[in-house]
Amino acid sequence: ALFFDENYGARAAAASGGATQGPVLQGRLPVLMLLGVVVSVFEASMFVFVSEWFRCITHFDFQPNIGLLFSMFMMACLCGASTATLLGDAMRPLRRVALAMSVGLVCFGAAATAMTLPPNSLLGAISVFAAFLAYEAGVGLYFP
């Protein structure tokens, strides 16, 4: 602000539609509303994962190195993002979102099933962790 003027943009151009344009488009395009619901559900699953992964892993009677597990989650997410980049235009975005949603559903189902194993089960801990790794790869595919 000391050395150059503020850029206010073109004052002659008025905003058309404003806050009413979004709801009007949603009413005309029900597919857009469905896409919003699908994206919201997937985003919600990511928030649930972030808040519950530690509790699920430590449910079993072993104490893992949490930093190592977290870095492995980030690596799985990177692998999913790299896969999305390699796919490029070969897979349409709608199919990519559907694939990521399917991966998430299967992974959470597998993790929930593994949580029924006894707390001293190493198989349960490994199964939950593997399901969470696959979920993170799906997140990377969804959001490269």
C-alpha atoms as a PDB file:
ATOM      1  CA  ALA A   1       0.000   0.000   0.000  1.00  0.00           C
ATOM      2  CA  LEU A   2       2.979   2.324   0.405  1.00  0.00           C
ATOM      3  CA  PHE A   3       4.411   1.989  -3.107  1.00  0.00           C
ATOM      4  CA  PHE A   4       1.514   1.210  -5.454  1.00  0.00           C
ATOM      5  CA  ASP A   5      -2.193   1.895  -5.782  1.00  0.00           C
ATOM      6  CA  GLU A   6      -4.927  -0.542  -4.855  1.00  0.00           C
ATOM      7  CA  ASN A   7      -6.347  -2.558  -7.747  1.00  0.00           C
ATOM      8  CA  TYR A   8     -10.114  -2.270  -7.536  1.00  0.00           C
ATOM      9  CA  GLY A   9     -10.771  -4.016 -10.839  1.00  0.00           C
ATOM     10  CA  ALA A  10     -13.159  -2.840 -13.531  1.00  0.00           C
ATOM     11  CA  ARG A  11     -15.836  -0.750 -11.878  1.00  0.00           C
ATOM     12  CA  ALA A  12     -18.054  -0.647 -14.954  1.00  0.00           C
ATOM     13  CA  ALA A  13     -18.736  -4.396 -14.933  1.00  0.00           C
ATOM     14  CA  ALA A  14     -21.572  -5.270 -12.575  1.00  0.00           C
ATOM     15  CA  ALA A  15     -21.994  -8.725 -11.129  1.00  0.00           C
ATOM     16  CA  SER A  16     -24.857 -10.519 -12.833  1.00  0.00           C
ATOM     17  CA  GLY A  17     -26.851 -13.020 -10.848  1.00  0.00           C
ATOM     18  CA  GLY A  18     -24.912 -12.709  -7.628  1.00  0.00           C
ATOM     19  CA  ALA A  19     -26.019 -15.043  -4.870  1.00  0.00           C
ATOM     20  CA  THR A  20     -29.115 -16.187  -6.769  1.00  0.00           C
ATOM     21  CA  GLN A  21     -27.274 -17.741  -9.705  1.00  0.00           C
ATOM     22  CA  GLY A  22     -26.055 -20.852  -7.809  1.00  0.00           C
ATOM     23  CA  PRO A  23     -29.462 -22.045  -6.523  1.00  0.00           C
ATOM     24  CA  VAL A  24     -31.030 -21.376  -9.929  1.00  0.00           C
ATOM     25  CA  LEU A  25     -28.414 -23.584 -11.618  1.00  0.00           C
ATOM     26  CA  GLN A  26     -28.961 -26.299  -9.013  1.00  0.00           C
ATOM     27  CA  GLY A  27     -32.680 -26.259  -9.721  1.00  0.00           C
ATOM     28  CA  ARG A  28     -32.087 -26.589 -13.448  1.00  0.00           C
ATOM     29  CA  LEU A  29     -29.386 -29.270 -13.173  1.00  0.00           C
ATOM     30  CA  PRO A  30     -30.332 -32.004 -10.680  1.00  0.00           C
ATOM     31  CA  VAL A  31     -27.083 -33.779 -11.584  1.00  0.00           C
ATOM     32  CA  LEU A  32     -25.216 -30.835 -10.080  1.00  0.00           C
ATOM     33  CA  MET A  33     -27.132 -31.294  -6.831  1.00  0.00           C
ATOM     34  CA  LEU A  34     -26.347 -35.026  -6.856  1.00  0.00           C
ATOM     35  CA  LEU A  35     -22.666 -34.288  -7.426  1.00  0.00           C
ATOM     36  CA  GLY A  36     -22.735 -31.922  -4.443  1.00  0.00           C
ATOM     37  CA  VAL A  37     -24.234 -34.641  -2.250  1.00  0.00           C
ATOM     38  CA  VAL A  38     -21.679 -37.231  -3.391  1.00  0.00           C
ATOM     39  CA  VAL A  39     -18.754 -34.881  -2.785  1.00  0.00           C
ATOM     40  CA  SER A  40     -20.145 -33.914   0.632  1.00  0.00           C
ATOM     41  CA  VAL A  41     -20.488 -37.554   1.677  1.00  0.00           C
ATOM     42  CA  PHE A  42     -16.926 -38.351   0.593  1.00  0.00           C
ATOM     43  CA  GLU A  43     -15.561 -35.266   2.349  1.00  0.00           C
ATOM     44  CA  ALA A  44     -17.449 -36.317   5.492  1.00  0.00           C
ATOM     45  CA  SER A  45     -15.866 -39.765   5.304  1.00  0.00           C
ATOM     46  CA  MET A  46     -12.446 -38.118   5.237  1.00  0.00           C
ATOM     47  CA  PHE A  47     -13.268 -36.133   8.384  1.00  0.00           C
ATOM     48  CA  VAL A  48     -14.484 -39.291  10.121  1.00  0.00           C
ATOM     49  CA  PHE A  49     -11.268 -41.057   9.120  1.00  0.00           C
ATOM     50  CA  VAL A  50      -9.095 -38.214  10.428  1.00  0.00           C
ATOM     51  CA  SER A  51     -10.848 -38.220  13.786  1.00  0.00           C
ATOM     52  CA  GLU A  52     -11.066 -42.013  14.275  1.00  0.00           C
ATOM     53  CA  TRP A  53      -8.050 -43.728  12.694  1.00  0.00           C
ATOM     54  CA  PHE A  54      -5.917 -43.488  15.824  1.00  0.00           C
ATOM     55  CA  ARG A  55      -8.633 -44.952  18.031  1.00  0.00           C
ATOM     56  CA  CYS A  56      -9.175 -47.848  15.626  1.00  0.00           C
ATOM     57  CA  ILE A  57      -5.482 -48.682  15.367  1.00  0.00           C
ATOM     58  CA  THR A  58      -4.856 -48.494  19.130  1.00  0.00           C
ATOM     59  CA  HIS A  59      -7.959 -50.597  19.886  1.00  0.00           C
ATOM     60  CA  PHE A  60      -5.728 -53.624  19.451  1.00  0.00           C
ATOM     61  CA  ASP A  61      -3.152 -54.545  22.101  1.00  0.00           C
ATOM     62  CA  PHE A  62      -0.051 -53.163  20.461  1.00  0.00           C
ATOM     63  CA  GLN A  63       1.331 -49.650  20.409  1.00  0.00           C
ATOM     64  CA  PRO A  64       2.573 -48.726  16.947  1.00  0.00           C
ATOM     65  CA  ASN A  65       4.838 -45.854  16.003  1.00  0.00           C
ATOM     66  CA  ILE A  66       2.159 -43.298  15.136  1.00  0.00           C
ATOM     67  CA  GLY A  67       4.527 -41.110  13.116  1.00  0.00           C
ATOM     68  CA  LEU A  68       5.461 -44.071  10.943  1.00  0.00           C
ATOM     69  CA  LEU A  69       1.799 -44.994  10.407  1.00  0.00           C
ATOM     70  CA  PHE A  70       0.901 -41.417   9.517  1.00  0.00           C
ATOM     71  CA  SER A  71       3.766 -41.176   7.031  1.00  0.00           C
ATOM     72  CA  MET A  72       2.597 -44.432   5.461  1.00  0.00           C
ATOM     73  CA  PHE A  73      -0.911 -42.961   5.137  1.00  0.00           C
ATOM     74  CA  MET A  74       0.552 -39.938   3.362  1.00  0.00           C
ATOM     75  CA  MET A  75       2.562 -42.208   1.056  1.00  0.00           C
ATOM     76  CA  ALA A  76      -0.600 -44.164   0.186  1.00  0.00           C
ATOM     77  CA  CYS A  77      -2.374 -40.890  -0.565  1.00  0.00           C
ATOM     78  CA  LEU A  78       0.545 -39.871  -2.787  1.00  0.00           C
ATOM     79  CA  CYS A  79       0.333 -43.196  -4.632  1.00  0.00           C
ATOM     80  CA  GLY A  80      -3.368 -42.580  -5.269  1.00  0.00           C
ATOM     81  CA  ALA A  81      -2.653 -39.068  -6.521  1.00  0.00           C
ATOM     82  CA  SER A  82       0.103 -40.382  -8.791  1.00  0.00           C
ATOM     83  CA  THR A  83      -2.321 -42.958 -10.170  1.00  0.00           C
ATOM     84  CA  ALA A  84      -4.828 -40.189 -10.887  1.00  0.00           C
ATOM     85  CA  THR A  85      -2.120 -38.223 -12.692  1.00  0.00           C
ATOM     86  CA  LEU A  86      -1.088 -41.247 -14.746  1.00  0.00           C
ATOM     87  CA  LEU A  87      -4.709 -41.925 -15.672  1.00  0.00           C
ATOM     88  CA  GLY A  88      -5.071 -38.338 -16.803  1.00  0.00           C
ATOM     89  CA  ASP A  89      -7.845 -38.076 -19.367  1.00  0.00           C
ATOM     90  CA  ALA A  90      -8.208 -41.856 -19.699  1.00  0.00           C
ATOM     91  CA  MET A  91     -10.747 -41.861 -16.848  1.00  0.00           C
ATOM     92  CA  ARG A  92     -13.541 -39.323 -16.694  1.00  0.00           C
ATOM     93  CA  PRO A  93     -13.849 -37.380 -13.418  1.00  0.00           C
ATOM     94  CA  LEU A  94     -17.256 -38.897 -12.645  1.00  0.00           C
ATOM     95  CA  ARG A  95     -15.837 -42.413 -12.896  1.00  0.00           C
ATOM     96  CA  ARG A  96     -12.851 -41.395 -10.789  1.00  0.00           C
ATOM     97  CA  VAL A  97     -15.144 -40.103  -8.026  1.00  0.00           C
ATOM     98  CA  ALA A  98     -17.235 -43.267  -8.250  1.00  0.00           C
ATOM     99  CA  LEU A  99     -14.092 -45.400  -7.968  1.00  0.00           C
ATOM    100  CA  ALA A 100     -12.862 -43.412  -4.968  1.00  0.00           C
ATOM    101  CA  MET A 101     -16.270 -43.733  -3.289  1.00  0.00           C
ATOM    102  CA  SER A 102     -16.302 -47.501  -3.923  1.00  0.00           C
ATOM    103  CA  VAL A 103     -12.790 -47.901  -2.530  1.00  0.00           C
ATOM    104  CA  GLY A 104     -13.789 -45.919   0.552  1.00  0.00           C
ATOM    105  CA  LEU A 105     -16.918 -47.982   1.102  1.00  0.00           C
ATOM    106  CA  VAL A 106     -15.083 -51.297   0.799  1.00  0.00           C
ATOM    107  CA  CYS A 107     -12.229 -50.112   3.023  1.00  0.00           C
ATOM    108  CA  PHE A 108     -14.478 -48.830   5.795  1.00  0.00           C
ATOM    109  CA  GLY A 109     -16.479 -52.054   5.617  1.00  0.00           C
ATOM    110  CA  ALA A 110     -13.286 -54.104   5.919  1.00  0.00           C
ATOM    111  CA  ALA A 111     -12.054 -51.975   8.822  1.00  0.00           C
ATOM    112  CA  ALA A 112     -15.394 -52.259  10.616  1.00  0.00           C
ATOM    113  CA  THR A 113     -15.335 -56.031  10.158  1.00  0.00           C
ATOM    114  CA  ALA A 114     -11.763 -56.240  11.463  1.00  0.00           C
ATOM    115  CA  MET A 115     -12.751 -54.204  14.529  1.00  0.00           C
ATOM    116  CA  THR A 116     -14.942 -57.136  15.620  1.00  0.00           C
ATOM    117  CA  LEU A 117     -11.827 -59.272  16.167  1.00  0.00           C
ATOM    118  CA  PRO A 118     -10.491 -59.579  19.731  1.00  0.00           C
ATOM    119  CA  PRO A 119      -8.223 -56.770  20.999  1.00  0.00           C
ATOM    120  CA  ASN A 120      -5.216 -59.107  21.167  1.00  0.00           C
ATOM    121  CA  SER A 121      -5.547 -60.013  17.472  1.00  0.00           C
ATOM    122  CA  LEU A 122      -2.567 -58.990  15.368  1.00  0.00           C
ATOM    123  CA  LEU A 123      -4.584 -59.951  12.290  1.00  0.00           C
ATOM    124  CA  GLY A 124      -7.216 -57.379  13.274  1.00  0.00           C
ATOM    125  CA  ALA A 125      -4.649 -54.616  13.649  1.00  0.00           C
ATOM    126  CA  ILE A 126      -3.001 -55.431  10.337  1.00  0.00           C
ATOM    127  CA  SER A 127      -6.386 -55.671   8.595  1.00  0.00           C
ATOM    128  CA  VAL A 128      -7.528 -52.287   9.895  1.00  0.00           C
ATOM    129  CA  PHE A 129      -4.236 -50.697   8.915  1.00  0.00           C
ATOM    130  CA  ALA A 130      -4.309 -52.221   5.423  1.00  0.00           C
ATOM    131  CA  ALA A 131      -7.891 -51.053   4.923  1.00  0.00           C
ATOM    132  CA  PHE A 132      -6.899 -47.547   6.012  1.00  0.00           C
ATOM    133  CA  LEU A 133      -3.925 -47.543   3.633  1.00  0.00           C
ATOM    134  CA  ALA A 134      -6.200 -48.506   0.739  1.00  0.00           C
ATOM    135  CA  TYR A 135      -8.674 -45.803   1.816  1.00  0.00           C
ATOM    136  CA  GLU A 136      -5.908 -43.199   1.753  1.00  0.00           C
ATOM    137  CA  ALA A 137      -4.968 -44.320  -1.762  1.00  0.00           C
ATOM    138  CA  GLY A 138      -8.608 -43.764  -2.729  1.00  0.00           C
ATOM    139  CA  VAL A 139      -8.472 -40.288  -1.204  1.00  0.00           C
ATOM    140  CA  GLY A 140      -5.426 -39.527  -3.324  1.00  0.00           C
ATOM    141  CA  LEU A 141      -7.280 -40.756  -6.386  1.00  0.00           C
ATOM    142  CA  TYR A 142     -10.228 -38.524  -5.506  1.00  0.00           C
ATOM    143  CA  PHE A 143      -8.241 -35.418  -4.676  1.00  0.00           C
ATOM    144  CA  PRO A 144      -4.907 -35.440  -6.505  1.00  0.00           C
END
